[in-house]
Amino acid sequence: MEQGGFVIVVLILRIVGVMVCVNKAKELNRSTGGWGFFGFISPIIAMIWIHCMKPITVWDENTDVNKN
């Protein structure tokens, strides 16, 4: 019975890892699918890693203000 409890805890940890990584990746403008997969495979490392990252800045294209 102890083995079943351990499996459930590991599965819950993996699901939480996916949710945390996907939400943080969306906030940082990063790939949600890739981070979700990484969060499932190695949840603790992925959560630590993504919380140490900086956001990707998306720059708008220069526009001409004097254009009619």
Protein backbone atom coordinates (compact mmCIF):
# COMPACT_ATOMS: atom_id res chain seq x y z
CA MET A 1 0.00 0.00 0.00
CA GLU A 2 2.90 2.37 0.64
CA GLN A 3 4.08 2.01 -2.96
CA GLY A 4 0.69 3.25 -4.25
CA GLY A 5 0.85 6.34 -2.04
CA PHE A 6 4.32 7.17 -3.33
CA VAL A 7 3.16 6.90 -6.94
CA ILE A 8 0.24 9.24 -6.26
CA VAL A 9 2.51 11.82 -4.61
CA VAL A 10 4.95 11.72 -7.54
CA LEU A 11 2.10 12.09 -10.05
CA ILE A 12 0.66 15.06 -8.14
CA LEU A 13 4.12 16.67 -8.01
CA ARG A 14 4.48 16.25 -11.78
CA ILE A 15 1.05 17.77 -12.47
CA VAL A 16 1.80 20.72 -10.20
CA GLY A 17 5.19 21.11 -11.92
CA VAL A 18 3.50 21.28 -15.32
CA MET A 19 0.97 23.88 -14.15
CA VAL A 20 3.59 26.08 -12.46
CA CYS A 21 5.98 25.92 -15.42
CA VAL A 22 3.29 26.63 -18.03
CA ASN A 23 1.92 29.63 -16.12
CA LYS A 24 5.37 31.08 -15.49
CA ALA A 25 6.43 30.45 -19.12
CA LYS A 26 3.35 32.30 -20.35
CA GLU A 27 4.21 35.20 -18.04
CA LEU A 28 7.81 35.28 -19.35
CA ASN A 29 6.83 35.00 -23.06
CA ARG A 30 8.42 31.57 -23.41
CA SER A 31 7.31 28.25 -24.94
CA THR A 32 4.52 26.85 -22.79
CA GLY A 33 4.62 23.42 -24.43
CA GLY A 34 8.34 22.93 -23.94
CA TRP A 35 8.27 24.11 -20.35
CA GLY A 36 5.20 21.98 -19.65
CA PHE A 37 7.04 18.89 -20.93
CA PHE A 38 10.17 19.78 -18.93
CA GLY A 39 7.97 20.37 -15.85
CA PHE A 40 6.48 16.89 -16.22
CA ILE A 41 9.80 15.10 -16.77
CA SER A 42 11.74 16.89 -14.02
CA PRO A 43 9.35 19.08 -11.99
CA ILE A 44 11.60 20.32 -9.21
CA ILE A 45 14.49 21.32 -11.48
CA ALA A 46 12.13 22.89 -14.03
CA MET A 47 10.32 24.98 -11.42
CA ILE A 48 13.59 26.27 -9.96
CA TRP A 49 15.04 26.95 -13.40
CA ILE A 50 12.06 28.86 -14.81
CA HIS A 51 11.75 31.03 -11.71
CA CYS A 52 15.36 32.19 -12.24
CA MET A 53 14.77 33.27 -15.87
CA LYS A 54 14.15 36.75 -17.21
CA PRO A 55 11.30 37.53 -19.61
CA ILE A 56 11.82 37.65 -23.36
CA THR A 57 11.04 41.16 -24.53
CA VAL A 58 9.07 41.39 -27.73
CA TRP A 59 9.92 44.62 -29.53
CA ASP A 60 7.45 46.25 -31.87
CA GLU A 61 8.59 47.17 -35.35
CA ASN A 62 9.55 50.81 -35.83
CA THR A 63 6.73 52.75 -37.36
CA ASP A 64 6.86 56.07 -39.11
CA VAL A 65 4.87 58.64 -37.15
CA ASN A 66 4.79 61.12 -40.01
CA LYS A 67 3.22 58.63 -42.40
CA ASN A 68 -0.25 59.68 -43.63
